[in-house]
């Protein structure tokens, strides 16, 4: 049992409130996952400035945070300034270079570090402990931006470690959070390992994240990638997947794990329980519904426009503005 919350803001006037709203949502699902919590924020230019990329890392205990920025800067051509922010187990490094260039520099400068997020619009935080405490550690209430997600974990498939926390961000500006368990994750992990993928944890959810990232890297869209998850993965799951273009939700064939979606002209939100949505502005006027089994619901970053939901196995869009 884990807790998922996600918020996609359509109204730019709400961008300064993203973190406060997301923290309120997160704190309503802490009982679903007291082991750890992770957060992803899109569009906070104080955490990832315009023209910069940001890389979130978990550093080994013997690597001083105050030396990391200098080491990464030395590994970058032209030695640009590297901004370093520490938030509990997570250290965020930002520099005015492309995301893949910054990731490569981090891996060169600190080869023992674990990269847990990267992109030009995304900042990821992961850690163990009580979710309420971690929200304060991440300064979540002060976050700004246009989209965010958070996850509270009750570990069942792997150890309680920062590496095993959600979200799993294994592609640029991509994140995946999961409530449930996959029965055949070991088989798909072996396939991905044979194709050259490297894993950072034993968590079954990381397998799904790397599977989706692999399909996206091959040119498929998010809708198709998630329909392939439904075809290939056995088990119980509710997934929320985010990207620089928006977010998507999908559940397993019997919709075993809870999920509820709410929509207004100002925002779209998803959560494991209704109470996580209850304090959102205008919730009394929202359209509320449970996502149906094996149907991909996807929203793009367009004011008052969305794509989806799409039924798995077809290209029919229901109630959507294309």
Protein backbone atom coordinates (compact mmCIF):
# COMPACT_ATOMS: atom_id res chain seq x y z
CA UNK A 1 0.00 0.00 0.00
CA UNK A 2 1.45 3.34 -1.10
CA UNK A 3 0.08 6.83 -1.59
CA UNK A 4 0.17 8.81 -4.85
CA UNK A 5 -0.75 12.44 -5.48
CA UNK A 6 -0.28 14.48 -8.62
CA UNK A 7 -1.26 18.00 -9.66
CA UNK A 8 -1.20 19.51 -13.16
CA UNK A 9 -1.99 23.23 -13.16
CA UNK A 10 -3.81 24.73 -16.14
CA UNK A 11 -4.11 28.23 -14.65
CA UNK A 12 -0.73 30.09 -14.46
CA UNK A 13 -2.05 32.17 -11.57
CA UNK A 14 -1.82 29.02 -9.45
CA UNK A 15 1.84 28.33 -10.26
CA UNK A 16 3.12 30.11 -7.10
CA UNK A 17 0.87 27.81 -5.02
CA UNK A 18 1.99 24.49 -6.50
CA UNK A 19 4.11 23.42 -3.54
CA UNK A 20 1.61 24.41 -0.89
CA UNK A 21 -1.18 22.56 -2.68
CA UNK A 22 0.99 19.50 -3.27
CA UNK A 23 2.13 19.38 0.36
CA UNK A 24 -1.50 19.49 1.54
CA UNK A 25 -2.29 16.57 -0.78
CA UNK A 26 0.77 14.59 0.34
CA UNK A 27 -0.03 14.99 4.03
CA UNK A 28 -3.43 13.37 3.50
CA UNK A 29 -1.90 10.06 2.33
CA UNK A 30 0.96 9.65 4.82
CA UNK A 31 -0.74 6.66 6.46
CA UNK A 32 -0.54 4.81 3.16
CA UNK A 33 3.26 4.92 3.18
CA UNK A 34 5.15 5.92 6.31
CA UNK A 35 8.53 4.54 5.18
CA UNK A 36 9.67 7.28 2.82
CA UNK A 37 8.55 9.98 0.43
CA UNK A 38 9.61 11.44 -2.87
CA UNK A 39 8.59 14.57 -4.73
CA UNK A 40 8.99 15.89 -8.28
CA UNK A 41 8.44 19.55 -9.17
CA UNK A 42 8.20 20.93 -12.71
CA UNK A 43 8.91 24.56 -13.54
CA UNK A 44 10.38 26.00 -10.34
CA UNK A 45 13.02 28.36 -11.74
CA UNK A 46 14.61 28.93 -8.34
CA UNK A 47 15.48 25.22 -8.19
CA UNK A 48 16.27 24.81 -11.90
CA UNK A 49 16.89 28.28 -13.38
CA UNK A 50 15.92 29.18 -16.92
CA UNK A 51 18.57 27.99 -19.36
CA UNK A 52 19.89 25.43 -16.86
CA UNK A 53 19.59 21.71 -16.39
CA UNK A 54 19.22 20.13 -12.95
CA UNK A 55 20.43 16.73 -11.81
CA UNK A 56 19.26 15.20 -8.51
CA UNK A 57 21.68 12.75 -6.92
CA UNK A 58 22.13 10.56 -3.88
CA UNK A 59 25.71 10.94 -2.70
CA UNK A 60 27.76 8.29 -0.86
CA UNK A 61 28.35 9.07 2.81
CA UNK A 62 32.06 9.67 2.20
CA UNK A 63 31.54 12.32 -0.50
CA UNK A 64 31.25 15.84 0.99
CA UNK A 65 28.41 17.87 -0.50
CA UNK A 66 30.49 21.07 -0.38
CA UNK A 67 33.10 19.54 -2.70
CA UNK A 68 30.65 18.13 -5.22
CA UNK A 69 29.88 21.37 -7.06
CA UNK A 70 33.55 22.09 -7.68
CA UNK A 71 34.21 18.57 -8.92
CA UNK A 72 31.27 18.70 -11.33
CA UNK A 73 32.26 22.18 -12.52
CA UNK A 74 35.76 20.94 -13.32
CA UNK A 75 34.26 18.15 -15.40
CA UNK A 76 32.25 20.61 -17.54
CA UNK A 77 33.70 22.36 -20.56
CA UNK A 78 34.26 26.01 -19.75
CA UNK A 79 33.81 25.38 -16.02
CA UNK A 80 30.41 27.13 -15.67
CA UNK A 81 29.00 27.88 -12.24
CA UNK A 82 27.25 24.89 -10.64
CA UNK A 83 24.47 25.60 -8.16
CA UNK A 84 24.30 23.05 -5.35
CA UNK A 85 21.32 22.55 -3.04
CA UNK A 86 21.14 19.90 -0.31
CA UNK A 87 17.78 18.56 0.88
CA UNK A 88 18.19 15.58 3.19
CA UNK A 89 19.37 12.56 1.23
CA UNK A 90 19.09 14.41 -2.09
CA UNK A 91 21.56 16.87 -3.57
CA UNK A 92 20.50 18.94 -6.59
CA UNK A 93 23.09 20.32 -8.99
CA UNK A 94 22.14 22.87 -11.66
CA UNK A 95 24.27 24.36 -14.43
CA UNK A 96 23.73 26.24 -17.73
CA UNK A 97 24.32 23.16 -19.91
CA UNK A 98 22.21 20.44 -21.52
CA UNK A 99 20.79 17.80 -19.19
CA UNK A 100 22.76 14.91 -20.72
CA UNK A 101 25.98 16.94 -20.49
CA UNK A 102 25.38 17.63 -16.80
CA UNK A 103 24.53 13.98 -16.09
CA UNK A 104 27.76 12.89 -17.80
CA UNK A 105 29.76 15.40 -15.76
CA UNK A 106 28.19 14.17 -12.51
CA UNK A 107 29.01 10.57 -13.38
CA UNK A 108 32.59 11.56 -14.21
CA UNK A 109 33.15 13.72 -11.14
CA UNK A 110 31.31 11.50 -8.62
CA UNK A 111 31.10 8.00 -10.11
CA UNK A 112 29.64 6.53 -6.91
CA UNK A 113 26.67 8.95 -6.92
CA UNK A 114 23.23 7.70 -7.92
CA UNK A 115 21.40 9.96 -10.36
CA UNK A 116 17.71 10.02 -9.40
CA UNK A 117 16.42 12.78 -11.68
CA UNK A 118 17.47 15.05 -14.51
CA UNK A 119 16.02 17.55 -16.93
CA UNK A 120 15.58 21.19 -17.80
CA UNK A 121 12.20 21.54 -16.08
CA UNK A 122 12.36 18.97 -13.29
CA UNK A 123 13.67 18.73 -9.74
CA UNK A 124 13.41 15.41 -7.85
CA UNK A 125 13.78 14.74 -4.12
CA UNK A 126 13.88 11.30 -2.51
CA UNK A 127 14.50 10.14 1.05
CA UNK A 128 13.54 7.85 3.90
CA UNK A 129 11.61 8.92 6.97
CA UNK A 130 8.16 10.24 7.76
CA UNK A 131 6.59 12.02 4.76
CA UNK A 132 5.58 15.08 6.78
CA UNK A 133 9.17 15.58 7.91
CA UNK A 134 10.47 15.02 4.40
CA UNK A 135 8.07 17.58 2.96
CA UNK A 136 9.67 20.14 5.28
CA UNK A 137 13.16 18.94 4.35
CA UNK A 138 12.37 19.44 0.66
CA UNK A 139 10.83 22.88 1.40
CA UNK A 140 7.89 21.62 -0.58
CA UNK A 141 5.44 24.29 0.57
CA UNK A 142 7.63 26.96 -1.05
CA UNK A 143 7.86 25.22 -4.43
CA UNK A 144 6.46 26.90 -7.52
CA UNK A 145 5.72 25.54 -10.98
CA UNK A 146 3.10 24.05 -13.25
CA UNK A 147 3.14 20.37 -12.25
CA UNK A 148 4.17 18.14 -9.40
CA UNK A 149 3.77 14.68 -7.94
CA UNK A 150 4.51 13.02 -4.63
CA UNK A 151 4.61 9.45 -3.32
CA UNK A 152 4.56 7.87 0.11
CA UNK A 153 5.91 4.34 0.29
CA UNK A 154 5.10 1.24 2.27
CA UNK A 155 7.88 -1.09 1.15
CA UNK A 156 6.91 -4.61 0.09
CA UNK A 157 9.27 -5.57 -2.75
CA UNK A 158 12.62 -4.11 -1.68
CA UNK A 159 14.49 -2.42 1.17
CA UNK A 160 13.63 0.98 2.59
CA UNK A 161 16.44 3.07 1.12
CA UNK A 162 16.59 6.42 -0.69
CA UNK A 163 17.39 4.52 -3.90
CA UNK A 164 14.19 2.50 -3.48
CA UNK A 165 11.99 5.55 -2.99
CA UNK A 166 9.66 6.88 -5.65
CA UNK A 167 9.52 8.71 -7.99
CA UNK A 168 11.73 6.85 -10.42
CA UNK A 169 13.12 9.35 -12.90
CA UNK A 170 15.26 7.49 -15.43
CA UNK A 171 14.67 9.64 -18.53
CA UNK A 172 14.98 13.41 -19.03
CA UNK A 173 12.10 15.25 -17.35
CA UNK A 174 10.33 11.92 -16.78
CA UNK A 175 8.96 10.43 -13.53
CA UNK A 176 6.93 7.38 -12.55
CA UNK A 177 5.23 6.54 -9.26
CA UNK A 178 3.47 3.27 -8.53
CA UNK A 179 1.03 1.82 -6.03
CA UNK A 180 0.94 -1.98 -6.23
CA UNK A 181 3.31 -4.74 -7.24
CA UNK A 182 4.43 -6.43 -10.44
CA UNK A 183 4.55 -10.23 -10.51
CA UNK A 184 6.83 -10.53 -13.55
CA UNK A 185 9.22 -7.65 -12.94
CA UNK A 186 12.24 -9.97 -12.71
CA UNK A 187 11.64 -11.26 -16.24
CA UNK A 188 11.35 -7.77 -17.71
CA UNK A 189 14.35 -6.59 -15.68
CA UNK A 190 16.47 -9.33 -17.29
CA UNK A 191 15.32 -8.22 -20.74
CA UNK A 192 16.23 -4.62 -20.00
CA UNK A 193 19.60 -5.60 -18.52
CA UNK A 194 20.36 -7.59 -21.67
CA UNK A 195 19.56 -4.46 -23.70
CA UNK A 196 22.14 -2.48 -21.71
CA UNK A 197 20.04 -0.78 -19.06
CA UNK A 198 21.52 -0.28 -15.58
CA UNK A 199 19.40 -0.39 -12.43
CA UNK A 200 19.85 1.54 -9.20
CA UNK A 201 17.61 -0.53 -6.92
CA UNK A 202 15.76 -3.83 -6.55
CA UNK A 203 12.42 -2.03 -6.63
CA UNK A 204 9.90 -3.52 -9.05
CA UNK A 205 8.65 -0.02 -9.85
CA UNK A 206 12.02 0.93 -11.31
CA UNK A 207 11.52 -1.81 -13.89
CA UNK A 208 8.34 -0.12 -15.10
CA UNK A 209 10.04 3.29 -15.17
CA UNK A 210 12.93 1.97 -17.27
CA UNK A 211 10.53 0.11 -19.56
CA UNK A 212 8.54 3.29 -20.19
CA UNK A 213 11.69 5.40 -20.67
CA UNK A 214 13.01 2.82 -23.13
CA UNK A 215 9.83 2.98 -25.21
CA UNK A 216 9.86 6.78 -25.18
CA UNK A 217 13.52 6.80 -26.25
CA UNK A 218 12.51 4.61 -29.20
CA UNK A 219 10.11 7.30 -30.36
CA UNK A 220 6.82 6.03 -28.99
CA UNK A 221 4.48 8.45 -27.25
CA UNK A 222 3.44 8.14 -23.63
CA UNK A 223 0.03 6.74 -24.49
CA UNK A 224 1.56 3.87 -26.47
CA UNK A 225 4.24 3.23 -23.84
CA UNK A 226 1.64 2.84 -21.10
CA UNK A 227 -0.55 0.59 -23.22
CA UNK A 228 2.51 -1.63 -23.63
CA UNK A 229 2.89 -1.68 -19.83
CA UNK A 230 -0.64 -3.08 -19.66
CA UNK A 231 0.29 -5.74 -22.22
CA UNK A 232 3.63 -6.78 -20.72
CA UNK A 233 3.36 -6.35 -16.94
CA UNK A 234 1.40 -8.70 -14.68
CA UNK A 235 0.23 -7.59 -11.26
CA UNK A 236 -1.69 -4.86 -9.49
CA UNK A 237 -0.90 -1.24 -10.19
CA UNK A 238 -1.94 2.35 -10.39
CA UNK A 239 0.70 4.39 -12.19
CA UNK A 240 1.14 8.13 -12.50
CA UNK A 241 3.72 9.12 -15.11
CA UNK A 242 4.86 12.69 -15.70
CA UNK A 243 6.93 14.36 -18.40
CA UNK A 244 7.77 17.84 -19.64
CA UNK A 245 4.59 17.61 -21.71
CA UNK A 246 2.11 16.66 -19.00
CA UNK A 247 1.02 13.60 -17.05
CA UNK A 248 -0.81 10.30 -17.47
CA UNK A 249 -2.60 7.74 -15.30
CA UNK A 250 -3.25 4.04 -15.90
CA UNK A 251 -4.55 1.16 -13.76
CA UNK A 252 -4.41 -2.62 -14.10
CA UNK A 253 -7.09 -4.82 -15.65
CA UNK A 254 -9.15 -5.16 -12.46
CA UNK A 255 -8.36 -1.69 -11.07
CA UNK A 256 -7.24 -3.21 -7.80
CA UNK A 257 -5.40 -0.18 -6.43
CA UNK A 258 -7.42 2.94 -5.60
CA UNK A 259 -7.30 6.12 -7.64
CA UNK A 260 -9.49 9.16 -8.17
CA UNK A 261 -9.18 12.00 -10.68
CA UNK A 262 -10.58 15.51 -10.36
CA UNK A 263 -10.68 18.17 -13.08
CA UNK A 264 -11.56 21.85 -13.25
CA UNK A 265 -10.68 24.56 -15.75
CA UNK A 266 -7.78 25.51 -13.43
CA UNK A 267 -6.19 22.13 -12.74
CA UNK A 268 -6.21 18.35 -13.04
CA UNK A 269 -5.38 16.25 -9.98
CA UNK A 270 -5.00 12.57 -9.19
CA UNK A 271 -4.72 10.88 -5.80
CA UNK A 272 -5.05 7.53 -4.10
CA UNK A 273 -7.84 8.89 -1.87
CA UNK A 274 -10.42 11.65 -2.19
CA UNK A 275 -9.34 13.34 1.03
CA UNK A 276 -6.06 14.31 -0.70
CA UNK A 277 -8.13 16.39 -3.14
CA UNK A 278 -10.52 17.93 -0.63
CA UNK A 279 -8.58 21.17 -0.05
CA UNK A 280 -7.89 22.02 -3.70
CA UNK A 281 -9.39 25.36 -4.80
CA UNK A 282 -12.72 24.86 -6.53
CA UNK A 283 -12.99 21.17 -5.66
CA UNK A 284 -16.73 21.62 -5.08
CA UNK A 285 -17.12 22.28 -8.81
CA UNK A 286 -14.72 19.61 -10.04
CA UNK A 287 -15.58 16.67 -12.24
CA UNK A 288 -14.71 13.60 -10.15
CA UNK A 289 -14.27 10.06 -11.44
CA UNK A 290 -12.34 6.84 -11.00
CA UNK A 291 -10.03 5.93 -13.88
CA UNK A 292 -11.27 2.78 -15.59
CA UNK A 293 -9.16 -0.39 -15.91
CA UNK A 294 -6.41 -0.40 -18.58
CA UNK A 295 -7.41 2.99 -19.95
CA UNK A 296 -4.71 5.61 -20.34
CA UNK A 297 -5.73 9.08 -19.17
CA UNK A 298 -3.31 11.73 -20.40
CA UNK A 299 -3.16 15.54 -20.19
CA UNK A 300 -0.87 17.80 -22.15
CA UNK A 301 0.56 21.09 -21.02
CA UNK A 302 -2.07 23.28 -22.65
CA UNK A 303 -4.38 25.71 -20.90
CA UNK A 304 -7.83 24.18 -20.63
CA UNK A 305 -7.04 21.52 -23.24
CA UNK A 306 -6.26 17.86 -22.75
CA UNK A 307 -5.83 14.59 -24.52
CA UNK A 308 -7.42 11.39 -23.27
CA UNK A 309 -8.68 9.32 -21.83
CA UNK A 310 -7.74 6.77 -24.47
CA UNK A 311 -8.91 3.19 -24.34
CA UNK A 312 -6.14 0.61 -24.45
CA UNK A 313 -6.04 -1.08 -27.81
CA UNK A 314 -7.73 1.75 -29.73
CA UNK A 315 -6.99 5.29 -30.75
CA UNK A 316 -10.40 6.57 -29.76
CA UNK A 317 -10.34 9.71 -27.62
CA UNK A 318 -13.30 10.16 -25.28
CA UNK A 319 -14.34 13.64 -24.24
CA UNK A 320 -11.04 15.09 -25.39
CA UNK A 321 -10.10 18.22 -27.24
CA UNK A 322 -7.29 17.08 -29.59
